[in-house]
């Protein structure tokens, strides 16, 4: 596989075709890769390791990244609607303004992730670990949140309208947080 060293980012550059071919040949570790703006619509990359990679502005709707290691990855403004992210590790990942509507994030590890302004409308976050995550201004309307852990998470200015099974114990909330019933204040 041909990879060029990106001088400015200090990481390897790989294109989408090389990634998919190498994956089909059995390679799974693509850590520290520059895939900024990659087009990976419906890509099947189960159990892949993309830790600390650059995927800002990537196009990943309907992609299957289940059980993958995406720790510390930059997915800022990535399009990931309807993506399969079951049991994925996104610990300390940058997901600012990412589009994750209707994504399957069951059992996902989002501990310390930056989800400021992210669109998570209708996402499935059952059993997700959001400990210490920054969700300021995120849209979590109509999400499934059964047993999701929000300890020390920042949910200020979040839209949680019609979120199901929400438990904000230990989370940071303010008067601009929209709760599941549509109110902006805790009772």
C-alpha atoms as a PDB file:
ATOM      1  CA  UNK A   1       0.000   0.000   0.000  1.00  0.00           C
ATOM      2  CA  UNK A   2       1.322   3.439  -0.902  1.00  0.00           C
ATOM      3  CA  UNK A   3       1.230   5.985   1.900  1.00  0.00           C
ATOM      4  CA  UNK A   4       2.694   9.465   1.836  1.00  0.00           C
ATOM      5  CA  UNK A   5       3.805  11.208   4.992  1.00  0.00           C
ATOM      6  CA  UNK A   6       1.853  14.421   5.572  1.00  0.00           C
ATOM      7  CA  UNK A   7       4.448  16.940   6.681  1.00  0.00           C
ATOM      8  CA  UNK A   8       2.048  19.345   8.348  1.00  0.00           C
ATOM      9  CA  UNK A   9      -0.062  16.855  10.279  1.00  0.00           C
ATOM     10  CA  UNK A  10       2.645  14.310  11.065  1.00  0.00           C
ATOM     11  CA  UNK A  11       0.426  11.436   9.978  1.00  0.00           C
ATOM     12  CA  UNK A  12       0.191   9.071   7.041  1.00  0.00           C
ATOM     13  CA  UNK A  13      -2.066   9.878   4.099  1.00  0.00           C
ATOM     14  CA  UNK A  14      -4.223   7.112   2.704  1.00  0.00           C
ATOM     15  CA  UNK A  15      -7.098   7.443   0.265  1.00  0.00           C
ATOM     16  CA  UNK A  16     -10.472   5.731   0.478  1.00  0.00           C
ATOM     17  CA  UNK A  17      -9.692   3.100  -2.161  1.00  0.00           C
ATOM     18  CA  UNK A  18      -6.438   2.073  -0.449  1.00  0.00           C
ATOM     19  CA  UNK A  19      -8.216   1.852   2.896  1.00  0.00           C
ATOM     20  CA  UNK A  20     -11.024  -0.348   1.575  1.00  0.00           C
ATOM     21  CA  UNK A  21      -8.701  -2.632  -0.417  1.00  0.00           C
ATOM     22  CA  UNK A  22      -6.356  -3.100   2.542  1.00  0.00           C
ATOM     23  CA  UNK A  23      -9.335  -3.758   4.820  1.00  0.00           C
ATOM     24  CA  UNK A  24     -10.669  -6.447   2.451  1.00  0.00           C
ATOM     25  CA  UNK A  25      -7.178  -8.006   2.461  1.00  0.00           C
ATOM     26  CA  UNK A  26      -7.347  -8.334   6.252  1.00  0.00           C
ATOM     27  CA  UNK A  27      -5.564  -5.223   7.525  1.00  0.00           C
ATOM     28  CA  UNK A  28      -7.382  -3.615  10.452  1.00  0.00           C
ATOM     29  CA  UNK A  29      -4.984  -1.055  11.948  1.00  0.00           C
ATOM     30  CA  UNK A  30      -5.168   2.320  10.212  1.00  0.00           C
ATOM     31  CA  UNK A  31      -4.221   4.469  13.198  1.00  0.00           C
ATOM     32  CA  UNK A  32      -2.811   7.966  12.656  1.00  0.00           C
ATOM     33  CA  UNK A  33      -4.118   8.249   9.080  1.00  0.00           C
ATOM     34  CA  UNK A  34      -5.196  11.400   7.300  1.00  0.00           C
ATOM     35  CA  UNK A  35      -8.584  10.693   5.730  1.00  0.00           C
ATOM     36  CA  UNK A  36      -9.956  14.219   5.950  1.00  0.00           C
ATOM     37  CA  UNK A  37     -13.015  14.588   3.721  1.00  0.00           C
ATOM     38  CA  UNK A  38     -13.019  10.872   2.829  1.00  0.00           C
ATOM     39  CA  UNK A  39     -16.072   9.543   0.980  1.00  0.00           C
ATOM     40  CA  UNK A  40     -16.988   6.283   2.738  1.00  0.00           C
ATOM     41  CA  UNK A  41     -20.741   6.021   2.103  1.00  0.00           C
ATOM     42  CA  UNK A  42     -22.000   2.587   3.272  1.00  0.00           C
ATOM     43  CA  UNK A  43     -18.407   1.437   3.955  1.00  0.00           C
ATOM     44  CA  UNK A  44     -18.061  -1.825   5.879  1.00  0.00           C
ATOM     45  CA  UNK A  45     -15.189  -1.329   8.351  1.00  0.00           C
ATOM     46  CA  UNK A  46     -16.137  -3.474  11.346  1.00  0.00           C
ATOM     47  CA  UNK A  47     -13.455  -3.812  14.071  1.00  0.00           C
ATOM     48  CA  UNK A  48     -11.167  -1.331  12.319  1.00  0.00           C
ATOM     49  CA  UNK A  49      -8.622   0.719  14.255  1.00  0.00           C
ATOM     50  CA  UNK A  50      -8.560   4.377  13.207  1.00  0.00           C
ATOM     51  CA  UNK A  51      -7.343   5.756  16.530  1.00  0.00           C
ATOM     52  CA  UNK A  52      -6.018   9.325  16.394  1.00  0.00           C
ATOM     53  CA  UNK A  53      -6.831   9.610  12.684  1.00  0.00           C
ATOM     54  CA  UNK A  54      -8.057  12.691  10.846  1.00  0.00           C
ATOM     55  CA  UNK A  55     -11.585  12.198   9.464  1.00  0.00           C
ATOM     56  CA  UNK A  56     -12.906  15.752   9.683  1.00  0.00           C
ATOM     57  CA  UNK A  57     -15.580  16.450   7.040  1.00  0.00           C
ATOM     58  CA  UNK A  58     -15.709  12.735   6.131  1.00  0.00           C
ATOM     59  CA  UNK A  59     -18.867  11.384   4.474  1.00  0.00           C
ATOM     60  CA  UNK A  60     -19.889   8.180   6.303  1.00  0.00           C
ATOM     61  CA  UNK A  61     -23.688   7.794   6.162  1.00  0.00           C
ATOM     62  CA  UNK A  62     -24.814   4.180   6.629  1.00  0.00           C
ATOM     63  CA  UNK A  63     -21.182   3.115   7.244  1.00  0.00           C
ATOM     64  CA  UNK A  64     -20.651   0.174   9.602  1.00  0.00           C
ATOM     65  CA  UNK A  65     -17.839   0.873  12.069  1.00  0.00           C
ATOM     66  CA  UNK A  66     -19.183  -1.404  14.802  1.00  0.00           C
ATOM     67  CA  UNK A  67     -16.727  -2.525  17.479  1.00  0.00           C
ATOM     68  CA  UNK A  68     -14.052  -0.205  16.064  1.00  0.00           C
ATOM     69  CA  UNK A  69     -11.357   1.766  17.885  1.00  0.00           C
ATOM     70  CA  UNK A  70     -11.808   5.439  17.040  1.00  0.00           C
ATOM     71  CA  UNK A  71     -10.181   6.780  20.187  1.00  0.00           C
ATOM     72  CA  UNK A  72      -9.009  10.359  19.774  1.00  0.00           C
ATOM     73  CA  UNK A  73     -10.163  10.515  16.148  1.00  0.00           C
ATOM     74  CA  UNK A  74     -11.125  13.865  14.610  1.00  0.00           C
ATOM     75  CA  UNK A  75     -14.611  13.545  13.109  1.00  0.00           C
ATOM     76  CA  UNK A  76     -15.407  17.252  13.259  1.00  0.00           C
ATOM     77  CA  UNK A  77     -18.342  18.071  10.960  1.00  0.00           C
ATOM     78  CA  UNK A  78     -18.399  14.491   9.639  1.00  0.00           C
ATOM     79  CA  UNK A  79     -21.653  13.222   8.094  1.00  0.00           C
ATOM     80  CA  UNK A  80     -22.480   9.957   9.874  1.00  0.00           C
ATOM     81  CA  UNK A  81     -26.271   9.765   9.726  1.00  0.00           C
ATOM     82  CA  UNK A  82     -27.599   6.216  10.099  1.00  0.00           C
ATOM     83  CA  UNK A  83     -24.078   4.883  10.764  1.00  0.00           C
ATOM     84  CA  UNK A  84     -23.618   1.639  12.680  1.00  0.00           C
ATOM     85  CA  UNK A  85     -21.370   2.503  15.623  1.00  0.00           C
ATOM     86  CA  UNK A  86     -22.365  -0.335  17.953  1.00  0.00           C
ATOM     87  CA  UNK A  87     -19.776  -0.854  20.749  1.00  0.00           C
ATOM     88  CA  UNK A  88     -17.421   1.670  19.138  1.00  0.00           C
ATOM     89  CA  UNK A  89     -14.732   3.417  21.169  1.00  0.00           C
ATOM     90  CA  UNK A  90     -14.871   7.165  20.565  1.00  0.00           C
ATOM     91  CA  UNK A  91     -13.109   8.085  23.779  1.00  0.00           C
ATOM     92  CA  UNK A  92     -11.780  11.667  23.631  1.00  0.00           C
ATOM     93  CA  UNK A  93     -12.872  11.935  19.980  1.00  0.00           C
ATOM     94  CA  UNK A  94     -13.624  15.295  18.367  1.00  0.00           C
ATOM     95  CA  UNK A  95     -17.195  15.120  17.080  1.00  0.00           C
ATOM     96  CA  UNK A  96     -17.946  18.846  17.059  1.00  0.00           C
ATOM     97  CA  UNK A  97     -20.900  19.575  14.780  1.00  0.00           C
ATOM     98  CA  UNK A  98     -20.884  15.976  13.517  1.00  0.00           C
ATOM     99  CA  UNK A  99     -24.127  14.705  12.013  1.00  0.00           C
ATOM    100  CA  UNK A 100     -25.046  11.488  13.820  1.00  0.00           C
ATOM    101  CA  UNK A 101     -28.823  11.492  13.401  1.00  0.00           C
ATOM    102  CA  UNK A 102     -30.343   8.012  13.693  1.00  0.00           C
ATOM    103  CA  UNK A 103     -26.878   6.490  14.301  1.00  0.00           C
ATOM    104  CA  UNK A 104     -26.635   3.261  16.306  1.00  0.00           C
ATOM    105  CA  UNK A 105     -24.344   4.146  19.219  1.00  0.00           C
ATOM    106  CA  UNK A 106     -25.481   1.415  21.607  1.00  0.00           C
ATOM    107  CA  UNK A 107     -22.758   0.575  24.140  1.00  0.00           C
ATOM    108  CA  UNK A 108     -20.488   3.233  22.588  1.00  0.00           C
ATOM    109  CA  UNK A 109     -17.677   4.642  24.708  1.00  0.00           C
ATOM    110  CA  UNK A 110     -17.897   8.431  24.282  1.00  0.00           C
ATOM    111  CA  UNK A 111     -16.050   9.201  27.493  1.00  0.00           C
ATOM    112  CA  UNK A 112     -14.491  12.667  27.284  1.00  0.00           C
ATOM    113  CA  UNK A 113     -15.674  13.126  23.681  1.00  0.00           C
ATOM    114  CA  UNK A 114     -16.286  16.617  22.291  1.00  0.00           C
ATOM    115  CA  UNK A 115     -19.829  16.590  20.897  1.00  0.00           C
ATOM    116  CA  UNK A 116     -20.461  20.339  20.977  1.00  0.00           C
ATOM    117  CA  UNK A 117     -23.167  21.221  18.475  1.00  0.00           C
ATOM    118  CA  UNK A 118     -23.481  17.617  17.257  1.00  0.00           C
ATOM    119  CA  UNK A 119     -26.732  16.442  15.655  1.00  0.00           C
ATOM    120  CA  UNK A 120     -27.776  13.219  17.404  1.00  0.00           C
ATOM    121  CA  UNK A 121     -31.513  13.411  16.614  1.00  0.00           C
ATOM    122  CA  UNK A 122     -33.116   9.984  16.890  1.00  0.00           C
ATOM    123  CA  UNK A 123     -29.795   8.257  17.669  1.00  0.00           C
ATOM    124  CA  UNK A 124     -29.725   5.092  19.744  1.00  0.00           C
ATOM    125  CA  UNK A 125     -27.451   5.733  22.732  1.00  0.00           C
ATOM    126  CA  UNK A 126     -28.656   2.928  24.986  1.00  0.00           C
ATOM    127  CA  UNK A 127     -25.920   1.905  27.441  1.00  0.00           C
ATOM    128  CA  UNK A 128     -23.538   4.536  25.999  1.00  0.00           C
ATOM    129  CA  UNK A 129     -20.816   5.932  28.243  1.00  0.00           C
ATOM    130  CA  UNK A 130     -20.892   9.737  27.983  1.00  0.00           C
ATOM    131  CA  UNK A 131     -18.914  10.339  31.172  1.00  0.00           C
ATOM    132  CA  UNK A 132     -17.194  13.704  30.958  1.00  0.00           C
ATOM    133  CA  UNK A 133     -18.390  14.319  27.389  1.00  0.00           C
ATOM    134  CA  UNK A 134     -19.024  17.881  26.249  1.00  0.00           C
ATOM    135  CA  UNK A 135     -22.475  17.996  24.629  1.00  0.00           C
ATOM    136  CA  UNK A 136     -22.956  21.773  24.831  1.00  0.00           C
ATOM    137  CA  UNK A 137     -25.544  22.785  22.262  1.00  0.00           C
ATOM    138  CA  UNK A 138     -25.996  19.242  20.916  1.00  0.00           C
ATOM    139  CA  UNK A 139     -29.365  18.089  19.591  1.00  0.00           C
ATOM    140  CA  UNK A 140     -30.376  14.862  21.325  1.00  0.00           C
ATOM    141  CA  UNK A 141     -34.081  15.116  20.546  1.00  0.00           C
ATOM    142  CA  UNK A 142     -35.864  11.772  20.187  1.00  0.00           C
ATOM    143  CA  UNK A 143     -32.763   9.816  21.264  1.00  0.00           C
ATOM    144  CA  UNK A 144     -32.919   6.479  23.084  1.00  0.00           C
ATOM    145  CA  UNK A 145     -30.936   6.901  26.292  1.00  0.00           C
ATOM    146  CA  UNK A 146     -31.752   3.868  28.440  1.00  0.00           C
ATOM    147  CA  UNK A 147     -28.852   3.358  30.887  1.00  0.00           C
ATOM    148  CA  UNK A 148     -26.698   6.017  29.171  1.00  0.00           C
ATOM    149  CA  UNK A 149     -24.156   7.401  31.639  1.00  0.00           C
ATOM    150  CA  UNK A 150     -23.989  11.221  31.730  1.00  0.00           C
ATOM    151  CA  UNK A 151     -21.805  11.560  34.856  1.00  0.00           C
ATOM    152  CA  UNK A 152     -19.817  14.819  34.650  1.00  0.00           C
ATOM    153  CA  UNK A 153     -21.114  15.397  31.111  1.00  0.00           C
ATOM    154  CA  UNK A 154     -21.880  18.944  29.999  1.00  0.00           C
ATOM    155  CA  UNK A 155     -25.413  19.048  28.575  1.00  0.00           C
ATOM    156  CA  UNK A 156     -25.865  22.809  28.820  1.00  0.00           C
ATOM    157  CA  UNK A 157     -27.918  24.310  25.986  1.00  0.00           C
ATOM    158  CA  UNK A 158     -28.803  20.788  24.755  1.00  0.00           C
ATOM    159  CA  UNK A 159     -32.069  19.863  23.112  1.00  0.00           C
ATOM    160  CA  UNK A 160     -33.325  16.694  24.840  1.00  0.00           C
ATOM    161  CA  UNK A 161     -36.925  17.055  23.662  1.00  0.00           C
ATOM    162  CA  UNK A 162     -38.693  13.680  23.584  1.00  0.00           C
ATOM    163  CA  UNK A 163     -35.515  11.833  24.572  1.00  0.00           C
ATOM    164  CA  UNK A 164     -36.416   8.442  26.033  1.00  0.00           C
ATOM    165  CA  UNK A 165     -35.260   7.108  29.421  1.00  0.00           C
ATOM    166  CA  UNK A 166     -33.061  10.099  30.203  1.00  0.00           C
ATOM    167  CA  UNK A 167     -31.130  10.145  33.487  1.00  0.00           C
ATOM    168  CA  UNK A 168     -28.964  13.241  33.926  1.00  0.00           C
ATOM    169  CA  UNK A 169     -27.586  12.295  37.337  1.00  0.00           C
ATOM    170  CA  UNK A 170     -24.237  14.040  37.727  1.00  0.00           C
ATOM    171  CA  UNK A 171     -24.549  16.025  34.470  1.00  0.00           C
ATOM    172  CA  UNK A 172     -24.120  19.795  34.100  1.00  0.00           C
ATOM    173  CA  UNK A 173     -27.444  21.353  33.089  1.00  0.00           C
ATOM    174  CA  UNK A 174     -28.487  24.989  32.676  1.00  0.00           C
ATOM    175  CA  UNK A 175     -31.753  26.879  32.097  1.00  0.00           C
ATOM    176  CA  UNK A 176     -31.280  26.628  28.329  1.00  0.00           C
ATOM    177  CA  UNK A 177     -31.278  22.826  28.364  1.00  0.00           C
ATOM    178  CA  UNK A 178     -34.530  21.611  26.789  1.00  0.00           C
ATOM    179  CA  UNK A 179     -35.766  18.588  28.752  1.00  0.00           C
ATOM    180  CA  UNK A 180     -37.785  15.670  27.298  1.00  0.00           C
ATOM    181  CA  UNK A 181     -41.110  17.296  28.220  1.00  0.00           C
ATOM    182  CA  UNK A 182     -40.133  20.527  26.438  1.00  0.00           C
ATOM    183  CA  UNK A 183     -39.431  22.508  29.637  1.00  0.00           C
ATOM    184  CA  UNK A 184     -36.197  24.407  30.156  1.00  0.00           C
ATOM    185  CA  UNK A 185     -35.986  24.018  33.936  1.00  0.00           C
ATOM    186  CA  UNK A 186     -35.651  21.060  36.246  1.00  0.00           C
ATOM    187  CA  UNK A 187     -38.664  20.434  38.466  1.00  0.00           C
END
